[in-house]
């Protein structure tokens, strides 16, 4: 079983998502964050479950295989390295992924 590690920028993005949703529904904000965290914990047992990220501009600059899973309309971007899953970004699916979003 692998360990899930959150990068700081992904944690910051998750906080921003919670703050944005909480403006209209604090309950839904907590629910979305809880479901995102639960989805990342499932990666401990099945780290390869996510689809490979196909954003060409990002793949060209990042020399790692990035994967993604979805919770509602949010993309959880991660990479698997040895015995670790690194959560590098959590973004709305309508947004285009950039290298800067991953703190690279």
C-alpha atoms as a PDB file:
ATOM      1  CA  UNK A   1       0.000   0.000   0.000  1.00  0.00           C
ATOM      2  CA  UNK A   2       1.284   3.461  -0.893  1.00  0.00           C
ATOM      3  CA  UNK A   3       1.120   6.679   1.122  1.00  0.00           C
ATOM      4  CA  UNK A   4      -0.780   9.724  -0.076  1.00  0.00           C
ATOM      5  CA  UNK A   5       1.115  12.990   0.302  1.00  0.00           C
ATOM      6  CA  UNK A   6      -0.446  16.382  -0.361  1.00  0.00           C
ATOM      7  CA  UNK A   7       1.669  19.168  -1.838  1.00  0.00           C
ATOM      8  CA  UNK A   8       1.076  22.545  -0.189  1.00  0.00           C
ATOM      9  CA  UNK A   9      -0.363  24.152  -3.317  1.00  0.00           C
ATOM     10  CA  UNK A  10      -2.966  21.348  -3.583  1.00  0.00           C
ATOM     11  CA  UNK A  11      -3.945  21.929   0.058  1.00  0.00           C
ATOM     12  CA  UNK A  12      -4.243  25.659  -0.655  1.00  0.00           C
ATOM     13  CA  UNK A  13      -6.449  24.927  -3.671  1.00  0.00           C
ATOM     14  CA  UNK A  14      -8.653  22.675  -1.547  1.00  0.00           C
ATOM     15  CA  UNK A  15      -9.046  25.457   1.033  1.00  0.00           C
ATOM     16  CA  UNK A  16      -9.963  27.901  -1.741  1.00  0.00           C
ATOM     17  CA  UNK A  17     -12.586  25.472  -3.068  1.00  0.00           C
ATOM     18  CA  UNK A  18     -14.059  25.096   0.407  1.00  0.00           C
ATOM     19  CA  UNK A  19     -14.150  28.862   0.945  1.00  0.00           C
ATOM     20  CA  UNK A  20     -15.819  29.469  -2.407  1.00  0.00           C
ATOM     21  CA  UNK A  21     -18.545  26.860  -1.890  1.00  0.00           C
ATOM     22  CA  UNK A  22     -19.069  27.934   1.740  1.00  0.00           C
ATOM     23  CA  UNK A  23     -20.247  31.355   0.553  1.00  0.00           C
ATOM     24  CA  UNK A  24     -23.505  29.721  -0.488  1.00  0.00           C
ATOM     25  CA  UNK A  25     -23.523  26.489   1.527  1.00  0.00           C
ATOM     26  CA  UNK A  26     -21.135  25.672   4.383  1.00  0.00           C
ATOM     27  CA  UNK A  27     -22.625  22.175   4.555  1.00  0.00           C
ATOM     28  CA  UNK A  28     -21.914  21.463   0.880  1.00  0.00           C
ATOM     29  CA  UNK A  29     -18.418  22.915   1.234  1.00  0.00           C
ATOM     30  CA  UNK A  30     -17.583  20.463   4.014  1.00  0.00           C
ATOM     31  CA  UNK A  31     -19.177  17.626   2.019  1.00  0.00           C
ATOM     32  CA  UNK A  32     -17.153  18.340  -1.140  1.00  0.00           C
ATOM     33  CA  UNK A  33     -13.884  18.533   0.808  1.00  0.00           C
ATOM     34  CA  UNK A  34     -14.695  15.311   2.670  1.00  0.00           C
ATOM     35  CA  UNK A  35     -15.456  13.456  -0.565  1.00  0.00           C
ATOM     36  CA  UNK A  36     -12.268  14.737  -2.207  1.00  0.00           C
ATOM     37  CA  UNK A  37     -10.209  13.539   0.764  1.00  0.00           C
ATOM     38  CA  UNK A  38     -11.974  10.152   0.737  1.00  0.00           C
ATOM     39  CA  UNK A  39     -11.231   9.776  -2.972  1.00  0.00           C
ATOM     40  CA  UNK A  40      -7.528  10.430  -2.384  1.00  0.00           C
ATOM     41  CA  UNK A  41      -7.437   7.835   0.410  1.00  0.00           C
ATOM     42  CA  UNK A  42      -8.699   5.224  -2.071  1.00  0.00           C
ATOM     43  CA  UNK A  43      -5.517   5.871  -4.049  1.00  0.00           C
ATOM     44  CA  UNK A  44      -3.572   4.138  -1.266  1.00  0.00           C
ATOM     45  CA  UNK A  45      -4.927   0.810  -2.484  1.00  0.00           C
ATOM     46  CA  UNK A  46      -5.360   1.584  -6.184  1.00  0.00           C
ATOM     47  CA  UNK A  47      -2.859   4.285  -7.178  1.00  0.00           C
ATOM     48  CA  UNK A  48      -3.110   3.578 -10.912  1.00  0.00           C
ATOM     49  CA  UNK A  49      -6.902   3.957 -11.028  1.00  0.00           C
ATOM     50  CA  UNK A  50      -6.858   7.505 -12.411  1.00  0.00           C
ATOM     51  CA  UNK A  51      -6.762   8.390 -16.087  1.00  0.00           C
ATOM     52  CA  UNK A  52      -3.515   9.737 -17.494  1.00  0.00           C
ATOM     53  CA  UNK A  53      -3.600  13.540 -17.803  1.00  0.00           C
ATOM     54  CA  UNK A  54      -3.590  14.504 -21.455  1.00  0.00           C
ATOM     55  CA  UNK A  55      -3.044  18.268 -21.172  1.00  0.00           C
ATOM     56  CA  UNK A  56      -0.276  18.568 -23.757  1.00  0.00           C
ATOM     57  CA  UNK A  57       1.343  21.776 -22.477  1.00  0.00           C
ATOM     58  CA  UNK A  58       1.719  20.312 -18.992  1.00  0.00           C
ATOM     59  CA  UNK A  59       2.932  16.894 -20.127  1.00  0.00           C
ATOM     60  CA  UNK A  60       5.618  18.531 -22.253  1.00  0.00           C
ATOM     61  CA  UNK A  61       7.101  20.399 -19.266  1.00  0.00           C
ATOM     62  CA  UNK A  62       6.577  17.801 -16.543  1.00  0.00           C
ATOM     63  CA  UNK A  63       8.590  14.634 -16.986  1.00  0.00           C
ATOM     64  CA  UNK A  64       6.288  12.564 -14.759  1.00  0.00           C
ATOM     65  CA  UNK A  65       3.166  10.645 -15.612  1.00  0.00           C
ATOM     66  CA  UNK A  66       0.301  12.594 -14.121  1.00  0.00           C
ATOM     67  CA  UNK A  67      -3.035  10.969 -13.388  1.00  0.00           C
ATOM     68  CA  UNK A  68      -6.388  12.348 -12.377  1.00  0.00           C
ATOM     69  CA  UNK A  69      -9.556  11.314 -10.646  1.00  0.00           C
ATOM     70  CA  UNK A  70     -12.764  13.335 -10.464  1.00  0.00           C
ATOM     71  CA  UNK A  71     -15.044  14.240  -7.600  1.00  0.00           C
ATOM     72  CA  UNK A  72     -18.075  16.203  -8.774  1.00  0.00           C
ATOM     73  CA  UNK A  73     -16.625  18.858 -11.074  1.00  0.00           C
ATOM     74  CA  UNK A  74     -13.135  18.808  -9.541  1.00  0.00           C
ATOM     75  CA  UNK A  75      -9.999  17.211 -10.957  1.00  0.00           C
ATOM     76  CA  UNK A  76      -7.560  15.736  -8.459  1.00  0.00           C
ATOM     77  CA  UNK A  77      -4.187  15.664 -10.203  1.00  0.00           C
ATOM     78  CA  UNK A  78      -1.550  13.314  -8.829  1.00  0.00           C
ATOM     79  CA  UNK A  79       1.555  11.342  -9.687  1.00  0.00           C
ATOM     80  CA  UNK A  80       2.759   7.998  -8.398  1.00  0.00           C
ATOM     81  CA  UNK A  81       6.409   7.731  -7.408  1.00  0.00           C
ATOM     82  CA  UNK A  82       7.689   4.583  -5.776  1.00  0.00           C
ATOM     83  CA  UNK A  83       5.549   4.039  -2.658  1.00  0.00           C
ATOM     84  CA  UNK A  84       3.922   7.470  -2.667  1.00  0.00           C
ATOM     85  CA  UNK A  85       1.015   9.185  -4.364  1.00  0.00           C
ATOM     86  CA  UNK A  86       1.639  12.933  -4.580  1.00  0.00           C
ATOM     87  CA  UNK A  87      -1.479  15.093  -4.828  1.00  0.00           C
ATOM     88  CA  UNK A  88      -0.200  18.055  -6.839  1.00  0.00           C
ATOM     89  CA  UNK A  89      -3.385  19.969  -7.733  1.00  0.00           C
ATOM     90  CA  UNK A  90      -7.126  20.120  -7.151  1.00  0.00           C
ATOM     91  CA  UNK A  91      -8.876  22.258  -9.763  1.00  0.00           C
ATOM     92  CA  UNK A  92     -12.317  22.783 -11.238  1.00  0.00           C
ATOM     93  CA  UNK A  93     -12.790  20.726 -14.395  1.00  0.00           C
ATOM     94  CA  UNK A  94     -13.679  23.856 -16.379  1.00  0.00           C
ATOM     95  CA  UNK A  95     -10.206  25.281 -15.786  1.00  0.00           C
ATOM     96  CA  UNK A  96      -7.270  24.480 -18.010  1.00  0.00           C
ATOM     97  CA  UNK A  97      -4.430  22.831 -16.084  1.00  0.00           C
ATOM     98  CA  UNK A  98      -1.174  24.780 -16.044  1.00  0.00           C
ATOM     99  CA  UNK A  99       2.237  23.957 -14.639  1.00  0.00           C
ATOM    100  CA  UNK A 100       1.897  26.875 -12.214  1.00  0.00           C
ATOM    101  CA  UNK A 101      -1.174  25.256 -10.644  1.00  0.00           C
ATOM    102  CA  UNK A 102       1.039  22.381  -9.560  1.00  0.00           C
ATOM    103  CA  UNK A 103       3.645  24.589  -7.919  1.00  0.00           C
ATOM    104  CA  UNK A 104       6.244  23.601 -10.512  1.00  0.00           C
END
